[in-house]
Amino acid sequence: MEQALTAPEDGVPLLFVEIDNCFESAQVLAAKIDKYMRFCQRKVKDVDGTERPMWRTRWWVPDGRRGDQPHPPLLFVFNRIGPRNPGTVIAQLAELTQRHWQGHDYDGDFHMYDGKLPIVVTGMKQLKEHGPAGAVFRRFGRLHNQTLLEAIGNPRREAYDARRQAEYAARQREHQEELRRIAAQHRAEREANRPVCADCGTRFTDERWKAIEPAGWGTPRDTHPHLCDDCKQRAITAERQAAQVKLEYQEHDQAVPEQMAGGTWLSRFQG
């Protein structure tokens, strides 16, 4: 008996299940797995015209990681009613179908299963004793029983990805911290070079500092580059007042000789 189960809310998007009552040989079951592989590999054009595996047009399953997209897993549940020993059948079945389920080692950290068929086995007795959430599932190619989600998934890949992500995040934090340190150093160096008003001793504002910097060739510098804004305004006011006083003195000095010369001429005329 076979059926397809979907429970994405529980982490099982699609799972093919075969119930075996221990009447069939490993060779017969291996032939069934060959059919599963052909079914999974069959492609058709979807409604948008894109060619996709036929099973993806019937069930929704996440795409998975690029370069590591296995076929939907197949679960064999052995119910020991018939005369065959499930342990012997499972060992033979794993050997006969190795080409379908065996993954590719990735640097000794995990296996990738692109285009492979994950095959998981368990016993009806173990399911009754421990329930479907128990660690009673053995995936071909693995040495120990796991929970169903672990067996149909790739925990070592998940752990590897988590480590890589943590390492990347740590490097990013170190990089950001280095950028903050450099920025703080630049700010400290800039503050050490910030001009100080020669009159009142106040540090220049950013705007005032920018104003006294030459803008380019032929551009005159600020008229009072050593003074802050307030002191500059007072200096300009004082200079204007001094210039006005000087102008008044000059006008006065020019008027006095004329007056003196005019007085002498009048006196001679009157006399």
C-alpha atoms as a PDB file:
ATOM      1  CA  MET A   1       0.000   0.000   0.000  1.00  0.00           C
ATOM      2  CA  GLU A   2       1.338   3.446  -0.866  1.00  0.00           C
ATOM      3  CA  GLN A   3       0.206   6.981  -0.212  1.00  0.00           C
ATOM      4  CA  ALA A   4       1.502  10.538  -0.326  1.00  0.00           C
ATOM      5  CA  LEU A   5       1.390  12.662   2.813  1.00  0.00           C
ATOM      6  CA  THR A   6       1.788  16.426   3.051  1.00  0.00           C
ATOM      7  CA  ALA A   7       2.080  18.301   6.338  1.00  0.00           C
ATOM      8  CA  PRO A   8       4.067  21.502   5.677  1.00  0.00           C
ATOM      9  CA  GLU A   9       2.911  22.984   8.970  1.00  0.00           C
ATOM     10  CA  ASP A  10       4.819  20.151  10.694  1.00  0.00           C
ATOM     11  CA  GLY A  11       7.878  20.384   8.475  1.00  0.00           C
ATOM     12  CA  VAL A  12       6.849  17.579   6.089  1.00  0.00           C
ATOM     13  CA  PRO A  13       5.976  19.174   2.722  1.00  0.00           C
ATOM     14  CA  LEU A  14       5.694  15.851   0.860  1.00  0.00           C
ATOM     15  CA  LEU A  15       6.378  12.269   1.890  1.00  0.00           C
ATOM     16  CA  PHE A  16       5.663   9.081  -0.041  1.00  0.00           C
ATOM     17  CA  VAL A  17       4.799   6.186   2.278  1.00  0.00           C
ATOM     18  CA  GLU A  18       4.932   2.431   1.498  1.00  0.00           C
ATOM     19  CA  ILE A  19       3.475  -0.095   3.935  1.00  0.00           C
ATOM     20  CA  ASP A  20       5.128  -3.495   3.515  1.00  0.00           C
ATOM     21  CA  ASN A  21       3.720  -6.585   5.243  1.00  0.00           C
ATOM     22  CA  CYS A  22       6.919  -8.568   4.720  1.00  0.00           C
ATOM     23  CA  PHE A  23       5.675 -10.723   1.836  1.00  0.00           C
ATOM     24  CA  GLU A  24       7.787  -9.131  -0.908  1.00  0.00           C
ATOM     25  CA  SER A  25      11.483  -9.638  -1.525  1.00  0.00           C
ATOM     26  CA  ALA A  26      14.114  -6.924  -1.563  1.00  0.00           C
ATOM     27  CA  GLN A  27      14.330  -7.269  -5.349  1.00  0.00           C
ATOM     28  CA  VAL A  28      10.611  -6.532  -5.753  1.00  0.00           C
ATOM     29  CA  LEU A  29      10.852  -3.526  -3.468  1.00  0.00           C
ATOM     30  CA  ALA A  30      13.938  -2.319  -5.322  1.00  0.00           C
ATOM     31  CA  ALA A  31      11.942  -2.442  -8.567  1.00  0.00           C
ATOM     32  CA  LYS A  32       9.329  -0.214  -6.908  1.00  0.00           C
ATOM     33  CA  ILE A  33      12.035   2.263  -5.992  1.00  0.00           C
ATOM     34  CA  ASP A  34      13.201   2.266  -9.613  1.00  0.00           C
ATOM     35  CA  LYS A  35       9.657   3.277 -10.567  1.00  0.00           C
ATOM     36  CA  TYR A  36       9.684   6.036  -7.931  1.00  0.00           C
ATOM     37  CA  MET A  37      12.881   7.408  -9.436  1.00  0.00           C
ATOM     38  CA  ARG A  38      11.451   7.400 -12.938  1.00  0.00           C
ATOM     39  CA  PHE A  39       8.332   9.130 -11.646  1.00  0.00           C
ATOM     40  CA  CYS A  40      10.379  11.789  -9.838  1.00  0.00           C
ATOM     41  CA  GLN A  41      12.574  12.385 -12.881  1.00  0.00           C
ATOM     42  CA  ARG A  42       9.684  12.745 -15.305  1.00  0.00           C
ATOM     43  CA  LYS A  43       9.204  16.333 -16.453  1.00  0.00           C
ATOM     44  CA  VAL A  44       6.257  18.135 -18.016  1.00  0.00           C
ATOM     45  CA  LYS A  45       5.487  21.700 -19.014  1.00  0.00           C
ATOM     46  CA  ASP A  46       3.688  23.610 -16.289  1.00  0.00           C
ATOM     47  CA  VAL A  47       0.847  26.065 -16.922  1.00  0.00           C
ATOM     48  CA  ASP A  48       3.386  28.858 -17.443  1.00  0.00           C
ATOM     49  CA  GLY A  49       5.185  26.834 -20.099  1.00  0.00           C
ATOM     50  CA  THR A  50       8.184  26.090 -17.862  1.00  0.00           C
ATOM     51  CA  GLU A  51       9.412  22.504 -17.762  1.00  0.00           C
ATOM     52  CA  ARG A  52       9.253  21.098 -14.228  1.00  0.00           C
ATOM     53  CA  PRO A  53       9.238  17.698 -12.548  1.00  0.00           C
ATOM     54  CA  MET A  54       5.723  16.309 -12.885  1.00  0.00           C
ATOM     55  CA  TRP A  55       5.346  15.763  -9.148  1.00  0.00           C
ATOM     56  CA  ARG A  56       5.926  19.492  -8.551  1.00  0.00           C
ATOM     57  CA  THR A  57       2.839  20.256 -10.639  1.00  0.00           C
ATOM     58  CA  ARG A  58       0.765  18.153  -8.229  1.00  0.00           C
ATOM     59  CA  TRP A  59       2.292  19.063  -4.869  1.00  0.00           C
ATOM     60  CA  TRP A  60       3.982  22.207  -3.591  1.00  0.00           C
ATOM     61  CA  VAL A  61       7.434  21.664  -2.119  1.00  0.00           C
ATOM     62  CA  PRO A  62      10.080  24.302  -1.318  1.00  0.00           C
ATOM     63  CA  ASP A  63      12.815  24.458  -3.928  1.00  0.00           C
ATOM     64  CA  GLY A  64      15.553  23.808  -1.404  1.00  0.00           C
ATOM     65  CA  ARG A  65      19.151  24.861  -1.835  1.00  0.00           C
ATOM     66  CA  ARG A  66      20.711  25.332  -5.216  1.00  0.00           C
ATOM     67  CA  GLY A  67      22.716  22.248  -6.166  1.00  0.00           C
ATOM     68  CA  ASP A  68      21.124  20.193  -3.385  1.00  0.00           C
ATOM     69  CA  GLN A  69      17.535  19.431  -4.323  1.00  0.00           C
ATOM     70  CA  PRO A  70      16.610  15.830  -3.577  1.00  0.00           C
ATOM     71  CA  HIS A  71      13.404  14.150  -4.684  1.00  0.00           C
ATOM     72  CA  PRO A  72      10.552  13.783  -2.183  1.00  0.00           C
ATOM     73  CA  PRO A  73      11.525  11.207   0.471  1.00  0.00           C
ATOM     74  CA  LEU A  74      10.144   7.668   0.477  1.00  0.00           C
ATOM     75  CA  LEU A  75       9.254   6.034   3.795  1.00  0.00           C
ATOM     76  CA  PHE A  76       8.964   2.239   4.099  1.00  0.00           C
ATOM     77  CA  VAL A  77       6.981   1.041   7.118  1.00  0.00           C
ATOM     78  CA  PHE A  78       7.531  -2.694   7.676  1.00  0.00           C
ATOM     79  CA  ASN A  79       4.669  -4.518   9.343  1.00  0.00           C
ATOM     80  CA  ARG A  80       5.913  -8.010  10.213  1.00  0.00           C
ATOM     81  CA  ILE A  81       2.991 -10.128   9.147  1.00  0.00           C
ATOM     82  CA  GLY A  82       4.525 -12.154   6.310  1.00  0.00           C
ATOM     83  CA  PRO A  83       7.407 -14.638   6.460  1.00  0.00           C
ATOM     84  CA  ARG A  84      10.263 -12.344   5.453  1.00  0.00           C
ATOM     85  CA  ASN A  85      12.688 -10.875   7.994  1.00  0.00           C
ATOM     86  CA  PRO A  86      12.523  -7.070   7.626  1.00  0.00           C
ATOM     87  CA  GLY A  87      16.107  -6.649   8.852  1.00  0.00           C
ATOM     88  CA  THR A  88      17.444  -8.845   6.058  1.00  0.00           C
ATOM     89  CA  VAL A  89      15.183  -7.234   3.459  1.00  0.00           C
ATOM     90  CA  ILE A  90      16.228  -3.735   4.519  1.00  0.00           C
ATOM     91  CA  ALA A  91      19.945  -4.548   4.260  1.00  0.00           C
ATOM     92  CA  GLN A  92      19.482  -6.024   0.795  1.00  0.00           C
ATOM     93  CA  LEU A  93      17.239  -3.188  -0.305  1.00  0.00           C
ATOM     94  CA  ALA A  94      19.784  -0.565   0.753  1.00  0.00           C
ATOM     95  CA  GLU A  95      22.471  -2.299  -1.286  1.00  0.00           C
ATOM     96  CA  LEU A  96      20.284  -2.735  -4.367  1.00  0.00           C
ATOM     97  CA  THR A  97      19.189   0.905  -4.442  1.00  0.00           C
ATOM     98  CA  GLN A  98      22.382   2.619  -3.326  1.00  0.00           C
ATOM     99  CA  ARG A  99      22.714   4.518  -6.603  1.00  0.00           C
ATOM    100  CA  HIS A 100      19.350   6.175  -5.937  1.00  0.00           C
ATOM    101  CA  TRP A 101      19.887   7.395  -2.362  1.00  0.00           C
ATOM    102  CA  GLN A 102      23.628   7.802  -1.803  1.00  0.00           C
ATOM    103  CA  GLY A 103      24.661  11.437  -1.425  1.00  0.00           C
ATOM    104  CA  HIS A 104      27.892  13.185  -2.323  1.00  0.00           C
ATOM    105  CA  ASP A 105      30.319  14.049   0.451  1.00  0.00           C
ATOM    106  CA  TYR A 106      30.997  17.763   0.858  1.00  0.00           C
ATOM    107  CA  ASP A 107      34.395  18.296   2.496  1.00  0.00           C
ATOM    108  CA  GLY A 108      33.600  15.737   5.170  1.00  0.00           C
ATOM    109  CA  ASP A 109      31.046  18.113   6.727  1.00  0.00           C
ATOM    110  CA  PHE A 110      27.816  16.765   5.240  1.00  0.00           C
ATOM    111  CA  HIS A 111      26.320  15.079   2.178  1.00  0.00           C
ATOM    112  CA  MET A 112      24.450  16.674  -0.699  1.00  0.00           C
ATOM    113  CA  TYR A 113      21.549  14.802  -2.261  1.00  0.00           C
ATOM    114  CA  ASP A 114      20.821  16.656  -5.469  1.00  0.00           C
ATOM    115  CA  GLY A 115      18.623  14.441  -7.658  1.00  0.00           C
ATOM    116  CA  LYS A 116      18.660  11.649  -5.097  1.00  0.00           C
ATOM    117  CA  LEU A 117      15.775   9.807  -3.449  1.00  0.00           C
ATOM    118  CA  PRO A 118      15.912   9.847   0.356  1.00  0.00           C
ATOM    119  CA  ILE A 119      14.778   6.397   1.559  1.00  0.00           C
ATOM    120  CA  VAL A 120      13.748   5.979   5.191  1.00  0.00           C
ATOM    121  CA  VAL A 121      12.622   2.783   6.939  1.00  0.00           C
ATOM    122  CA  THR A 122      10.907   2.002  10.225  1.00  0.00           C
ATOM    123  CA  GLY A 123       8.796  -0.744  11.806  1.00  0.00           C
ATOM    124  CA  MET A 124       5.144  -0.708  12.696  1.00  0.00           C
ATOM    125  CA  LYS A 125       5.986  -2.065  16.146  1.00  0.00           C
ATOM    126  CA  GLN A 126       8.416   0.809  16.845  1.00  0.00           C
ATOM    127  CA  LEU A 127       5.840   3.336  15.658  1.00  0.00           C
ATOM    128  CA  LYS A 128       3.252   1.912  18.048  1.00  0.00           C
ATOM    129  CA  GLU A 129       5.702   1.963  20.951  1.00  0.00           C
ATOM    130  CA  HIS A 130       7.264   5.390  20.427  1.00  0.00           C
ATOM    131  CA  GLY A 131       4.802   7.219  18.201  1.00  0.00           C
ATOM    132  CA  PRO A 132       5.556   9.107  14.983  1.00  0.00           C
ATOM    133  CA  ALA A 133       7.619  11.692  16.876  1.00  0.00           C
ATOM    134  CA  GLY A 134      10.037   9.083  18.229  1.00  0.00           C
ATOM    135  CA  ALA A 135      13.565   8.442  16.970  1.00  0.00           C
ATOM    136  CA  VAL A 136      12.593   5.224  15.174  1.00  0.00           C
ATOM    137  CA  PHE A 137      13.447   6.110  11.580  1.00  0.00           C
ATOM    138  CA  ARG A 138      16.602   4.978   9.791  1.00  0.00           C
ATOM    139  CA  ARG A 139      17.642   6.655   6.572  1.00  0.00           C
ATOM    140  CA  PHE A 140      19.694   4.640   4.126  1.00  0.00           C
ATOM    141  CA  GLY A 141      23.316   5.689   4.395  1.00  0.00           C
ATOM    142  CA  ARG A 142      23.085   6.747   8.064  1.00  0.00           C
ATOM    143  CA  LEU A 143      24.171   4.725  11.068  1.00  0.00           C
ATOM    144  CA  HIS A 144      21.636   5.707  13.712  1.00  0.00           C
ATOM    145  CA  ASN A 145      17.914   6.124  14.126  1.00  0.00           C
ATOM    146  CA  GLN A 146      16.502   9.627  13.980  1.00  0.00           C
ATOM    147  CA  THR A 147      13.211  11.432  14.256  1.00  0.00           C
ATOM    148  CA  LEU A 148      11.267  11.626  11.001  1.00  0.00           C
ATOM    149  CA  LEU A 149      12.149  15.275  10.385  1.00  0.00           C
ATOM    150  CA  GLU A 150      15.844  14.551  10.923  1.00  0.00           C
ATOM    151  CA  ALA A 151      15.710  11.450   8.731  1.00  0.00           C
ATOM    152  CA  ILE A 152      14.086  13.150   5.763  1.00  0.00           C
ATOM    153  CA  GLY A 153      16.137  16.308   6.268  1.00  0.00           C
ATOM    154  CA  ASN A 154      19.842  17.066   6.406  1.00  0.00           C
ATOM    155  CA  PRO A 155      20.775  18.007   9.989  1.00  0.00           C
ATOM    156  CA  ARG A 156      24.509  18.049   9.298  1.00  0.00           C
ATOM    157  CA  ARG A 157      23.933  20.470   6.422  1.00  0.00           C
ATOM    158  CA  GLU A 158      21.743  22.617   8.667  1.00  0.00           C
ATOM    159  CA  ALA A 159      24.447  22.640  11.355  1.00  0.00           C
ATOM    160  CA  TYR A 160      27.101  23.478   8.760  1.00  0.00           C
ATOM    161  CA  ASP A 161      25.017  26.339   7.370  1.00  0.00           C
ATOM    162  CA  ALA A 162      24.342  27.600  10.896  1.00  0.00           C
ATOM    163  CA  ARG A 163      28.074  27.596  11.663  1.00  0.00           C
ATOM    164  CA  ARG A 164      28.890  29.389   8.426  1.00  0.00           C
ATOM    165  CA  GLN A 165      26.168  31.957   9.102  1.00  0.00           C
ATOM    166  CA  ALA A 166      27.440  32.485  12.658  1.00  0.00           C
ATOM    167  CA  GLU A 167      31.004  32.882  11.357  1.00  0.00           C
ATOM    168  CA  TYR A 168      29.836  35.332   8.714  1.00  0.00           C
ATOM    169  CA  ALA A 169      27.859  37.310  11.301  1.00  0.00           C
ATOM    170  CA  ALA A 170      30.920  37.382  13.582  1.00  0.00           C
ATOM    171  CA  ARG A 171      33.096  38.653  10.735  1.00  0.00           C
ATOM    172  CA  GLN A 172      30.497  41.298   9.924  1.00  0.00           C
ATOM    173  CA  ARG A 173      30.434  42.413  13.563  1.00  0.00           C
ATOM    174  CA  GLU A 174      34.243  42.573  13.634  1.00  0.00           C
ATOM    175  CA  HIS A 175      34.242  44.545  10.388  1.00  0.00           C
ATOM    176  CA  GLN A 176      31.648  46.997  11.681  1.00  0.00           C
ATOM    177  CA  GLU A 177      33.553  47.376  14.938  1.00  0.00           C
ATOM    178  CA  GLU A 178      36.751  48.086  13.002  1.00  0.00           C
ATOM    179  CA  LEU A 179      34.915  50.690  10.917  1.00  0.00           C
ATOM    180  CA  ARG A 180      33.586  52.309  14.097  1.00  0.00           C
ATOM    181  CA  ARG A 181      37.092  52.299  15.605  1.00  0.00           C
ATOM    182  CA  ILE A 182      38.590  53.906  12.501  1.00  0.00           C
ATOM    183  CA  ALA A 183      35.791  56.486  12.367  1.00  0.00           C
ATOM    184  CA  ALA A 184      36.328  57.324  16.053  1.00  0.00           C
ATOM    185  CA  GLN A 185      40.057  57.667  15.435  1.00  0.00           C
ATOM    186  CA  HIS A 186      39.430  59.981  12.491  1.00  0.00           C
ATOM    187  CA  ARG A 187      37.031  62.063  14.572  1.00  0.00           C
ATOM    188  CA  ALA A 188      39.598  62.336  17.359  1.00  0.00           C
ATOM    189  CA  GLU A 189      42.315  63.365  14.906  1.00  0.00           C
ATOM    190  CA  ARG A 190      39.990  65.909  13.323  1.00  0.00           C
ATOM    191  CA  GLU A 191      39.066  67.363  16.702  1.00  0.00           C
ATOM    192  CA  ALA A 192      42.754  67.627  17.592  1.00  0.00           C
ATOM    193  CA  ASN A 193      43.257  69.732  14.450  1.00  0.00           C
ATOM    194  CA  ARG A 194      40.155  71.888  14.896  1.00  0.00           C
ATOM    195  CA  PRO A 195      41.122  75.595  14.839  1.00  0.00           C
ATOM    196  CA  VAL A 196      40.743  77.695  17.966  1.00  0.00           C
ATOM    197  CA  CYS A 197      39.751  81.356  17.940  1.00  0.00           C
ATOM    198  CA  ALA A 198      42.816  83.543  18.478  1.00  0.00           C
ATOM    199  CA  ASP A 199      40.719  86.044  20.442  1.00  0.00           C
ATOM    200  CA  CYS A 200      38.322  84.159  22.725  1.00  0.00           C
ATOM    201  CA  GLY A 201      39.774  80.624  22.508  1.00  0.00           C
ATOM    202  CA  THR A 202      36.507  79.024  21.315  1.00  0.00           C
ATOM    203  CA  ARG A 203      36.841  76.018  19.012  1.00  0.00           C
ATOM    204  CA  PHE A 204      35.554  76.659  15.507  1.00  0.00           C
ATOM    205  CA  THR A 205      32.236  75.137  14.460  1.00  0.00           C
ATOM    206  CA  ASP A 206      32.255  72.845  11.416  1.00  0.00           C
ATOM    207  CA  GLU A 207      30.679  75.617   9.345  1.00  0.00           C
ATOM    208  CA  ARG A 208      33.280  78.168  10.458  1.00  0.00           C
ATOM    209  CA  TRP A 209      36.121  75.697   9.865  1.00  0.00           C
ATOM    210  CA  LYS A 210      34.847  75.025   6.365  1.00  0.00           C
ATOM    211  CA  ALA A 211      34.503  78.744   5.662  1.00  0.00           C
ATOM    212  CA  ILE A 212      38.199  79.475   6.297  1.00  0.00           C
ATOM    213  CA  GLU A 213      39.418  76.669   4.009  1.00  0.00           C
ATOM    214  CA  PRO A 214      40.474  77.779   0.498  1.00  0.00           C
ATOM    215  CA  ALA A 215      37.866  76.737  -2.059  1.00  0.00           C
ATOM    216  CA  GLY A 216      40.278  76.616  -4.985  1.00  0.00           C
ATOM    217  CA  TRP A 217      42.793  78.552  -7.081  1.00  0.00           C
ATOM    218  CA  GLY A 218      42.243  82.267  -6.971  1.00  0.00           C
ATOM    219  CA  THR A 219      39.581  82.040  -4.280  1.00  0.00           C
ATOM    220  CA  PRO A 220      40.377  84.479  -1.452  1.00  0.00           C
ATOM    221  CA  ARG A 221      40.585  83.162   2.062  1.00  0.00           C
ATOM    222  CA  ASP A 222      38.293  84.372   4.769  1.00  0.00           C
ATOM    223  CA  THR A 223      39.072  87.910   5.917  1.00  0.00           C
ATOM    224  CA  HIS A 224      39.594  86.800   9.523  1.00  0.00           C
ATOM    225  CA  PRO A 225      40.647  83.135   9.386  1.00  0.00           C
ATOM    226  CA  HIS A 226      41.907  83.110  12.986  1.00  0.00           C
ATOM    227  CA  LEU A 227      38.662  84.318  14.543  1.00  0.00           C
ATOM    228  CA  CYS A 228      35.387  82.589  15.310  1.00  0.00           C
ATOM    229  CA  ASP A 229      32.121  83.943  13.879  1.00  0.00           C
ATOM    230  CA  ASP A 230      31.315  86.159  16.865  1.00  0.00           C
ATOM    231  CA  CYS A 231      34.809  87.589  17.153  1.00  0.00           C
ATOM    232  CA  LYS A 232      34.934  88.072  13.396  1.00  0.00           C
ATOM    233  CA  GLN A 233      31.748  90.133  13.483  1.00  0.00           C
ATOM    234  CA  ARG A 234      33.080  92.265  16.353  1.00  0.00           C
ATOM    235  CA  ALA A 235      36.371  92.726  14.488  1.00  0.00           C
ATOM    236  CA  ILE A 236      34.568  93.754  11.293  1.00  0.00           C
ATOM    237  CA  THR A 237      32.399  96.195  13.253  1.00  0.00           C
ATOM    238  CA  ALA A 238      35.464  97.678  14.956  1.00  0.00           C
ATOM    239  CA  GLU A 239      37.282  97.965  11.625  1.00  0.00           C
ATOM    240  CA  ARG A 240      34.312  99.736  10.056  1.00  0.00           C
ATOM    241  CA  GLN A 241      34.095 102.142  12.966  1.00  0.00           C
ATOM    242  CA  ALA A 242      37.834 102.814  12.776  1.00  0.00           C
ATOM    243  CA  ALA A 243      37.582 103.371   9.020  1.00  0.00           C
ATOM    244  CA  GLN A 244      34.726 105.813   9.544  1.00  0.00           C
ATOM    245  CA  VAL A 245      36.670 107.754  12.139  1.00  0.00           C
ATOM    246  CA  LYS A 246      39.705 107.839   9.866  1.00  0.00           C
ATOM    247  CA  LEU A 247      37.573 109.091   6.991  1.00  0.00           C
ATOM    248  CA  GLU A 248      36.141 111.841   9.167  1.00  0.00           C
ATOM    249  CA  TYR A 249      39.647 112.908  10.228  1.00  0.00           C
ATOM    250  CA  GLN A 250      40.782 112.973   6.606  1.00  0.00           C
ATOM    251  CA  GLU A 251      37.822 115.116   5.601  1.00  0.00           C
ATOM    252  CA  HIS A 252      38.529 117.428   8.538  1.00  0.00           C
ATOM    253  CA  ASP A 253      42.204 117.714   7.674  1.00  0.00           C
ATOM    254  CA  GLN A 254      41.331 118.655   4.096  1.00  0.00           C
ATOM    255  CA  ALA A 255      38.832 121.315   5.180  1.00  0.00           C
ATOM    256  CA  VAL A 256      41.116 123.178   7.616  1.00  0.00           C
ATOM    257  CA  PRO A 257      43.674 124.506   5.029  1.00  0.00           C
ATOM    258  CA  GLU A 258      40.878 125.707   2.793  1.00  0.00           C
ATOM    259  CA  GLN A 259      39.288 127.556   5.656  1.00  0.00           C
ATOM    260  CA  MET A 260      42.606 129.081   6.673  1.00  0.00           C
ATOM    261  CA  ALA A 261      43.387 130.158   3.116  1.00  0.00           C
ATOM    262  CA  GLY A 262      39.948 131.708   2.713  1.00  0.00           C
ATOM    263  CA  GLY A 263      40.291 133.682   5.922  1.00  0.00           C
ATOM    264  CA  THR A 264      43.594 135.324   4.864  1.00  0.00           C
ATOM    265  CA  TRP A 265      42.223 136.445   1.472  1.00  0.00           C
ATOM    266  CA  LEU A 266      39.135 137.990   3.050  1.00  0.00           C
ATOM    267  CA  SER A 267      41.173 139.919   5.548  1.00  0.00           C
ATOM    268  CA  ARG A 268      43.335 141.433   2.806  1.00  0.00           C
ATOM    269  CA  PHE A 269      40.281 142.325   0.730  1.00  0.00           C
ATOM    270  CA  GLN A 270      38.598 144.020   3.663  1.00  0.00           C
ATOM    271  CA  GLY A 271      41.718 145.934   4.550  1.00  0.00           C
END
